């Protein structure tokens, strides 16, 4: 399932939760590809983490359309959005270390 691009609205920050989630999903995929030579246990752990991350993104509607998206819901709470984006940046950094 392809993520739906978030709809821009006035005052939307440049760094979106949807954008960083998409980046993390791509990093997970690179990590899986690069980890193909790992032991089955380590590869299974990465797959489990990707599955959990994907469920999180769907459950909180990261890629929801328009007013249903997490970014839209957080539009008036930029401090919370910054925290979520910061956590996603940290996750992506660690995935790139994979």
N, C-alpha and C. Protein backbone atom coordinates (compact mmCIF):
# COMPACT_ATOMS: atom_id res chain seq x y z
N UNK A 1 0.83 -1.17 0.00
CA UNK A 1 0.00 0.00 0.00
C UNK A 1 0.88 1.24 0.00
N UNK A 2 0.72 2.08 -0.98
CA UNK A 2 1.49 3.31 -1.09
C UNK A 2 0.95 4.36 -0.13
N UNK A 3 1.86 5.05 0.58
CA UNK A 3 1.39 6.11 1.46
C UNK A 3 0.80 7.26 0.65
N UNK A 4 -0.18 7.90 1.23
CA UNK A 4 -0.80 9.06 0.61
C UNK A 4 -0.03 10.30 1.05
N UNK A 5 0.34 11.12 0.09
CA UNK A 5 1.07 12.35 0.42
C UNK A 5 0.18 13.26 1.24
N UNK A 6 0.73 13.83 2.32
CA UNK A 6 -0.09 14.72 3.14
C UNK A 6 -0.46 15.98 2.38
N UNK A 7 -1.61 16.50 2.70
CA UNK A 7 -2.08 17.74 2.09
C UNK A 7 -1.45 18.90 2.84
N UNK A 8 -0.91 19.87 2.10
CA UNK A 8 -0.30 21.03 2.74
C UNK A 8 -1.38 22.00 3.20
N UNK A 9 -1.14 22.64 4.31
CA UNK A 9 -2.05 23.66 4.81
C UNK A 9 -1.20 24.80 5.35
N UNK A 10 -1.81 25.93 5.54
CA UNK A 10 -1.09 27.12 5.98
C UNK A 10 -0.41 26.87 7.32
N UNK A 11 0.86 27.23 7.42
CA UNK A 11 1.60 27.09 8.66
C UNK A 11 2.19 25.70 8.86
N UNK A 12 2.08 24.82 7.85
CA UNK A 12 2.61 23.48 7.99
C UNK A 12 4.13 23.54 8.05
N UNK A 13 4.75 22.85 9.00
CA UNK A 13 6.20 22.85 9.07
C UNK A 13 6.79 22.06 7.91
N UNK A 14 8.05 22.34 7.61
CA UNK A 14 8.73 21.64 6.52
C UNK A 14 8.95 20.18 6.87
N UNK A 15 9.36 19.90 8.10
CA UNK A 15 9.61 18.54 8.55
C UNK A 15 8.31 17.92 9.03
N UNK A 16 7.77 17.01 8.25
CA UNK A 16 6.51 16.40 8.62
C UNK A 16 6.72 15.00 9.17
N UNK A 17 5.79 14.57 9.99
CA UNK A 17 5.83 13.20 10.50
C UNK A 17 5.72 12.23 9.33
N UNK A 18 4.84 12.52 8.38
CA UNK A 18 4.68 11.64 7.22
C UNK A 18 5.98 11.54 6.42
N UNK A 19 6.63 12.66 6.23
CA UNK A 19 7.88 12.66 5.47
C UNK A 19 8.96 11.83 6.14
N UNK A 20 9.12 12.00 7.45
CA UNK A 20 10.14 11.24 8.16
C UNK A 20 9.75 9.77 8.32
N UNK A 21 8.47 9.49 8.40
CA UNK A 21 8.03 8.10 8.46
C UNK A 21 8.36 7.41 7.14
N UNK A 22 8.13 8.10 6.04
CA UNK A 22 8.46 7.56 4.72
C UNK A 22 9.97 7.30 4.62
N UNK A 23 10.76 8.22 5.14
CA UNK A 23 12.21 8.05 5.14
C UNK A 23 12.61 6.82 5.96
N UNK A 24 11.99 6.65 7.13
CA UNK A 24 12.28 5.49 7.97
C UNK A 24 11.89 4.19 7.29
N UNK A 25 10.75 4.18 6.61
CA UNK A 25 10.33 2.97 5.90
C UNK A 25 11.35 2.60 4.82
N UNK A 26 11.86 3.60 4.11
CA UNK A 26 12.88 3.34 3.09
C UNK A 26 14.17 2.84 3.75
N UNK A 27 14.53 3.39 4.89
CA UNK A 27 15.73 2.94 5.60
C UNK A 27 15.56 1.52 6.12
N UNK A 28 14.37 1.18 6.58
CA UNK A 28 14.09 -0.20 6.98
C UNK A 28 14.31 -1.14 5.80
N UNK A 29 13.81 -0.76 4.63
CA UNK A 29 13.96 -1.61 3.45
C UNK A 29 15.43 -1.78 3.07
N UNK A 30 16.21 -0.70 3.13
CA UNK A 30 17.65 -0.79 2.84
C UNK A 30 18.33 -1.69 3.87
N UNK A 31 17.93 -1.55 5.11
CA UNK A 31 18.51 -2.36 6.18
C UNK A 31 18.24 -3.84 5.93
N UNK A 32 17.00 -4.16 5.55
CA UNK A 32 16.67 -5.56 5.25
C UNK A 32 17.50 -6.08 4.08
N UNK A 33 17.63 -5.25 3.05
CA UNK A 33 18.40 -5.66 1.87
C UNK A 33 19.87 -5.87 2.24
N UNK A 34 20.42 -4.95 3.01
CA UNK A 34 21.82 -5.05 3.41
C UNK A 34 22.06 -6.16 4.42
N UNK A 35 21.02 -6.59 5.09
CA UNK A 35 21.15 -7.59 6.14
C UNK A 35 20.81 -9.00 5.68
N UNK A 36 20.67 -9.17 4.39
CA UNK A 36 20.29 -10.48 3.87
C UNK A 36 21.28 -11.57 4.27
N UNK A 37 22.53 -11.18 4.50
CA UNK A 37 23.55 -12.17 4.86
C UNK A 37 23.59 -12.44 6.38
N UNK A 38 22.76 -11.75 7.14
CA UNK A 38 22.74 -11.97 8.59
C UNK A 38 22.13 -13.31 8.93
N UNK A 39 22.33 -13.67 10.17
CA UNK A 39 21.68 -14.87 10.67
C UNK A 39 20.17 -14.67 10.66
N UNK A 40 19.45 -15.75 10.54
CA UNK A 40 17.99 -15.69 10.45
C UNK A 40 17.38 -14.95 11.64
N UNK A 41 17.94 -15.12 12.83
CA UNK A 41 17.40 -14.48 14.03
C UNK A 41 17.47 -12.95 13.93
N UNK A 42 18.62 -12.43 13.51
CA UNK A 42 18.78 -10.98 13.39
C UNK A 42 17.87 -10.42 12.30
N UNK A 43 17.76 -11.14 11.18
CA UNK A 43 16.90 -10.70 10.10
C UNK A 43 15.44 -10.69 10.56
N UNK A 44 15.06 -11.69 11.33
CA UNK A 44 13.70 -11.77 11.86
C UNK A 44 13.40 -10.60 12.80
N UNK A 45 14.37 -10.19 13.59
CA UNK A 45 14.19 -9.06 14.49
C UNK A 45 13.93 -7.78 13.70
N UNK A 46 14.69 -7.58 12.63
CA UNK A 46 14.51 -6.39 11.79
C UNK A 46 13.13 -6.42 11.14
N UNK A 47 12.73 -7.58 10.63
CA UNK A 47 11.40 -7.70 10.01
C UNK A 47 10.29 -7.43 11.02
N UNK A 48 10.46 -7.91 12.25
CA UNK A 48 9.47 -7.66 13.30
C UNK A 48 9.37 -6.17 13.62
N UNK A 49 10.51 -5.50 13.68
CA UNK A 49 10.51 -4.07 13.98
C UNK A 49 9.85 -3.28 12.85
N UNK A 50 10.12 -3.67 11.61
CA UNK A 50 9.47 -3.02 10.46
C UNK A 50 7.96 -3.23 10.52
N UNK A 51 7.54 -4.43 10.84
CA UNK A 51 6.10 -4.71 10.93
C UNK A 51 5.46 -3.86 12.02
N UNK A 52 6.09 -3.78 13.18
CA UNK A 52 5.56 -2.96 14.27
C UNK A 52 5.50 -1.49 13.91
N UNK A 53 6.53 -1.00 13.23
CA UNK A 53 6.57 0.39 12.80
C UNK A 53 5.46 0.68 11.79
N UNK A 54 5.25 -0.25 10.89
CA UNK A 54 4.19 -0.10 9.88
C UNK A 54 2.81 -0.07 10.53
N UNK A 55 2.60 -0.92 11.52
CA UNK A 55 1.32 -0.94 12.23
C UNK A 55 1.12 0.38 12.97
N UNK A 56 2.17 0.88 13.60
CA UNK A 56 2.10 2.18 14.29
C UNK A 56 1.66 3.26 13.31
N UNK A 57 2.31 3.31 12.14
CA UNK A 57 2.01 4.35 11.15
C UNK A 57 0.55 4.28 10.68
N UNK A 58 0.06 3.08 10.49
CA UNK A 58 -1.33 2.92 10.04
C UNK A 58 -2.30 3.28 11.16
N UNK A 59 -2.03 2.81 12.36
CA UNK A 59 -2.96 3.02 13.48
C UNK A 59 -3.14 4.49 13.85
N UNK A 60 -2.09 5.28 13.71
CA UNK A 60 -2.23 6.70 14.06
C UNK A 60 -2.40 7.58 12.83
N UNK A 61 -2.65 6.93 11.70
CA UNK A 61 -2.97 7.61 10.44
C UNK A 61 -1.90 8.60 10.00
N UNK A 62 -0.64 8.16 10.07
CA UNK A 62 0.44 9.01 9.61
C UNK A 62 0.21 9.45 8.17
N UNK A 63 -0.26 8.52 7.34
CA UNK A 63 -0.47 8.82 5.92
C UNK A 63 -1.95 9.04 5.61
N UNK A 64 -2.72 9.42 6.60
CA UNK A 64 -4.13 9.69 6.37
C UNK A 64 -4.30 10.84 5.39
N UNK A 65 -5.40 10.83 4.69
CA UNK A 65 -5.66 11.87 3.69
C UNK A 65 -6.19 13.13 4.37
N UNK A 66 -5.62 14.26 3.98
CA UNK A 66 -6.12 15.56 4.44
C UNK A 66 -6.24 15.70 5.93
N UNK A 67 -7.46 15.98 6.39
CA UNK A 67 -7.72 16.25 7.81
C UNK A 67 -7.58 15.01 8.69
N UNK A 68 -7.42 13.84 8.09
CA UNK A 68 -7.27 12.62 8.87
C UNK A 68 -5.81 12.32 9.22
N UNK A 69 -4.87 13.05 8.66
CA UNK A 69 -3.46 12.74 8.87
C UNK A 69 -2.97 13.20 10.25
N UNK A 70 -1.94 12.54 10.71
CA UNK A 70 -1.33 12.90 11.99
C UNK A 70 -0.75 14.31 11.93
N UNK A 71 -0.12 14.65 10.81
CA UNK A 71 0.44 16.00 10.69
C UNK A 71 -0.65 17.06 10.82
N UNK A 72 -1.80 16.81 10.22
CA UNK A 72 -2.90 17.76 10.34
C UNK A 72 -3.37 17.84 11.79
N UNK A 73 -3.47 16.69 12.43
CA UNK A 73 -3.92 16.66 13.83
C UNK A 73 -2.96 17.42 14.75
N UNK A 74 -1.68 17.42 14.39
CA UNK A 74 -0.67 18.08 15.23
C UNK A 74 -0.36 19.51 14.76
N UNK A 75 -1.12 20.02 13.81
CA UNK A 75 -0.81 21.34 13.24
C UNK A 75 -0.81 22.45 14.28
N UNK A 76 -1.56 22.31 15.35
CA UNK A 76 -1.61 23.34 16.39
C UNK A 76 -0.78 22.95 17.61
N UNK A 77 -0.01 21.89 17.48
CA UNK A 77 0.88 21.45 18.56
C UNK A 77 2.26 21.18 17.97
N UNK A 78 2.93 22.25 17.47
CA UNK A 78 4.22 22.06 16.81
C UNK A 78 5.28 21.46 17.72
N UNK A 79 5.18 21.71 19.02
CA UNK A 79 6.17 21.13 19.93
C UNK A 79 6.05 19.60 19.95
N UNK A 80 4.83 19.08 19.92
CA UNK A 80 4.63 17.63 19.90
C UNK A 80 5.09 17.07 18.56
N UNK A 81 4.76 17.77 17.49
CA UNK A 81 5.18 17.32 16.16
C UNK A 81 6.71 17.29 16.08
N UNK A 82 7.37 18.30 16.65
CA UNK A 82 8.84 18.33 16.66
C UNK A 82 9.41 17.14 17.42
N UNK A 83 8.78 16.75 18.50
CA UNK A 83 9.25 15.60 19.29
C UNK A 83 9.12 14.32 18.47
N UNK A 84 7.98 14.14 17.82
CA UNK A 84 7.77 12.94 17.01
C UNK A 84 8.77 12.91 15.85
N UNK A 85 8.96 14.04 15.18
CA UNK A 85 9.93 14.11 14.09
C UNK A 85 11.33 13.81 14.62
N UNK A 86 11.67 14.34 15.78
CA UNK A 86 12.99 14.06 16.37
C UNK A 86 13.20 12.58 16.64
N UNK A 87 12.17 11.92 17.14
CA UNK A 87 12.26 10.47 17.38
C UNK A 87 12.41 9.71 16.07
N UNK A 88 11.71 10.15 15.05
CA UNK A 88 11.84 9.50 13.73
C UNK A 88 13.22 9.74 13.15
N UNK A 89 13.77 10.93 13.35
CA UNK A 89 15.14 11.21 12.89
C UNK A 89 16.13 10.28 13.58
N UNK A 90 15.96 10.09 14.89
CA UNK A 90 16.85 9.20 15.65
C UNK A 90 16.72 7.77 15.15
N UNK A 91 15.48 7.33 14.90
CA UNK A 91 15.27 5.98 14.37
C UNK A 91 15.96 5.83 13.03
N UNK A 92 15.79 6.82 12.15
CA UNK A 92 16.41 6.75 10.83
C UNK A 92 17.92 6.70 10.94
N UNK A 93 18.49 7.47 11.86
CA UNK A 93 19.95 7.46 12.06
C UNK A 93 20.41 6.04 12.41
N UNK A 94 19.71 5.39 13.33
CA UNK A 94 20.09 4.04 13.74
C UNK A 94 19.86 3.01 12.63
N UNK A 95 18.82 3.22 11.85
CA UNK A 95 18.59 2.31 10.72
C UNK A 95 19.70 2.45 9.68
N UNK A 96 20.19 3.65 9.49
CA UNK A 96 21.28 3.85 8.54
C UNK A 96 22.57 3.19 9.03
N UNK A 97 22.70 3.03 10.34
CA UNK A 97 23.86 2.34 10.90
C UNK A 97 23.79 0.84 10.65
N UNK A 98 22.60 0.35 10.31
CA UNK A 98 22.40 -1.06 10.01
C UNK A 98 23.22 -1.41 8.80
